[in-house]
């Protein structure tokens, strides 16, 4: 999905079958990303790479 307010950027959404190993792995990935954001103090909606 293109993000009109951020040229050159795209929003990617992943979904997995409930109860599948893929769903468990995606949940783990999300929790790791959340922990990293919390550890860095959040980004307030800004790109964490900048």
N, C-alpha and C. Protein backbone atom coordinates (compact mmCIF):
# COMPACT_ATOMS: atom_id res chain seq x y z
N UNK A 1 0.86 -1.15 0.00
CA UNK A 1 0.00 0.00 0.00
C UNK A 1 0.91 1.23 0.00
N UNK A 2 0.68 2.14 -0.89
CA UNK A 2 1.47 3.36 -0.96
C UNK A 2 0.99 4.34 0.11
N UNK A 3 1.92 5.02 0.75
CA UNK A 3 1.60 6.03 1.75
C UNK A 3 1.73 7.39 1.07
N UNK A 4 0.61 8.00 0.75
CA UNK A 4 0.62 9.24 -0.02
C UNK A 4 1.36 10.38 0.68
N UNK A 5 1.32 10.42 2.00
CA UNK A 5 1.98 11.51 2.73
C UNK A 5 3.48 11.28 2.89
N UNK A 6 3.97 10.14 2.44
CA UNK A 6 5.40 9.81 2.55
C UNK A 6 5.86 9.22 1.22
N UNK A 7 6.17 10.07 0.25
CA UNK A 7 6.57 9.58 -1.07
C UNK A 7 7.74 8.59 -0.99
N UNK A 8 7.64 7.53 -1.77
CA UNK A 8 8.68 6.51 -1.78
C UNK A 8 8.56 5.46 -0.70
N UNK A 9 7.58 5.61 0.16
CA UNK A 9 7.39 4.64 1.25
C UNK A 9 6.15 3.81 0.98
N UNK A 10 6.15 2.61 1.52
CA UNK A 10 5.00 1.71 1.41
C UNK A 10 4.71 1.09 2.76
N UNK A 11 3.44 0.82 2.99
CA UNK A 11 3.00 0.12 4.18
C UNK A 11 2.75 -1.33 3.79
N UNK A 12 3.39 -2.24 4.50
CA UNK A 12 3.23 -3.67 4.21
C UNK A 12 2.55 -4.32 5.41
N UNK A 13 1.50 -5.07 5.15
CA UNK A 13 0.73 -5.73 6.20
C UNK A 13 0.83 -7.23 5.99
N UNK A 14 1.15 -7.95 7.05
CA UNK A 14 1.25 -9.40 6.99
C UNK A 14 0.14 -10.01 7.84
N UNK A 15 -0.39 -11.12 7.38
CA UNK A 15 -1.41 -11.85 8.11
C UNK A 15 -1.11 -13.33 7.97
N UNK A 16 -1.30 -14.07 9.04
CA UNK A 16 -1.04 -15.51 9.01
C UNK A 16 -2.28 -16.26 9.48
N UNK A 17 -2.36 -17.50 9.08
CA UNK A 17 -3.46 -18.37 9.49
C UNK A 17 -3.46 -18.51 11.01
N UNK A 18 -4.60 -18.23 11.67
CA UNK A 18 -4.66 -18.35 13.13
C UNK A 18 -4.22 -19.73 13.61
N UNK A 19 -3.38 -19.76 14.62
CA UNK A 19 -2.93 -21.02 15.22
C UNK A 19 -1.79 -21.70 14.47
N UNK A 20 -1.36 -21.12 13.37
CA UNK A 20 -0.30 -21.75 12.57
C UNK A 20 1.08 -21.36 13.11
N UNK A 21 2.11 -22.12 12.75
CA UNK A 21 3.46 -21.72 13.12
C UNK A 21 3.82 -20.32 12.57
N UNK A 22 3.29 -19.99 11.41
CA UNK A 22 3.54 -18.66 10.85
C UNK A 22 2.95 -17.57 11.74
N UNK A 23 1.77 -17.83 12.29
CA UNK A 23 1.13 -16.87 13.18
C UNK A 23 1.96 -16.69 14.45
N UNK A 24 2.49 -17.76 14.97
CA UNK A 24 3.33 -17.68 16.16
C UNK A 24 4.62 -16.91 15.87
N UNK A 25 5.21 -17.16 14.71
CA UNK A 25 6.44 -16.47 14.33
C UNK A 25 6.19 -14.99 14.10
N UNK A 26 5.06 -14.65 13.49
CA UNK A 26 4.72 -13.25 13.26
C UNK A 26 4.47 -12.52 14.57
N UNK A 27 3.83 -13.19 15.52
CA UNK A 27 3.61 -12.60 16.83
C UNK A 27 4.94 -12.35 17.55
N UNK A 28 5.87 -13.29 17.43
CA UNK A 28 7.19 -13.13 18.03
C UNK A 28 7.91 -11.94 17.39
N UNK A 29 7.86 -11.85 16.07
CA UNK A 29 8.49 -10.74 15.37
C UNK A 29 7.91 -9.41 15.84
N UNK A 30 6.60 -9.35 15.98
CA UNK A 30 5.95 -8.12 16.46
C UNK A 30 6.37 -7.77 17.87
N UNK A 31 6.51 -8.76 18.73
CA UNK A 31 6.91 -8.48 20.12
C UNK A 31 8.36 -8.02 20.18
N UNK A 32 9.21 -8.56 19.32
CA UNK A 32 10.60 -8.12 19.28
C UNK A 32 10.70 -6.68 18.79
N UNK A 33 9.91 -6.35 17.78
CA UNK A 33 9.91 -4.98 17.25
C UNK A 33 9.39 -4.01 18.31
N UNK A 34 8.35 -4.40 19.04
CA UNK A 34 7.81 -3.54 20.08
C UNK A 34 8.81 -3.34 21.20
N UNK A 35 9.52 -4.40 21.57
CA UNK A 35 10.52 -4.30 22.63
C UNK A 35 11.66 -3.38 22.21
N UNK A 36 12.07 -3.44 20.95
CA UNK A 36 13.14 -2.58 20.44
C UNK A 36 12.69 -1.12 20.44
N UNK A 37 11.44 -0.87 20.05
CA UNK A 37 10.92 0.50 20.06
C UNK A 37 10.87 1.04 21.48
N UNK A 38 10.42 0.21 22.41
CA UNK A 38 10.36 0.61 23.81
C UNK A 38 11.77 0.89 24.35
N UNK A 39 12.70 0.03 23.99
CA UNK A 39 14.09 0.17 24.44
C UNK A 39 14.71 1.48 23.94
N UNK A 40 14.36 1.87 22.71
CA UNK A 40 14.94 3.09 22.14
C UNK A 40 14.15 4.33 22.51
N UNK A 41 13.12 4.17 23.31
CA UNK A 41 12.35 5.33 23.75
C UNK A 41 11.24 5.73 22.79
N UNK A 42 10.94 4.87 21.85
CA UNK A 42 9.88 5.18 20.87
C UNK A 42 10.39 6.12 19.82
N UNK A 43 9.60 6.30 18.77
CA UNK A 43 10.02 7.18 17.68
C UNK A 43 9.03 8.30 17.43
N UNK A 44 7.94 8.34 18.18
CA UNK A 44 6.92 9.38 18.01
C UNK A 44 6.45 9.50 16.57
N UNK A 45 6.33 8.37 15.89
CA UNK A 45 5.85 8.37 14.52
C UNK A 45 6.91 8.67 13.49
N UNK A 46 8.13 8.91 13.90
CA UNK A 46 9.21 9.18 12.96
C UNK A 46 9.94 7.90 12.64
N UNK A 47 10.62 7.88 11.52
CA UNK A 47 11.40 6.73 11.10
C UNK A 47 12.54 6.49 12.08
N UNK A 48 12.63 5.30 12.62
CA UNK A 48 13.66 4.97 13.62
C UNK A 48 15.07 5.03 13.04
N UNK A 49 15.18 4.98 11.69
CA UNK A 49 16.50 5.01 11.07
C UNK A 49 17.07 6.42 10.95
N UNK A 50 16.27 7.45 11.22
CA UNK A 50 16.77 8.82 11.06
C UNK A 50 17.13 9.43 12.37
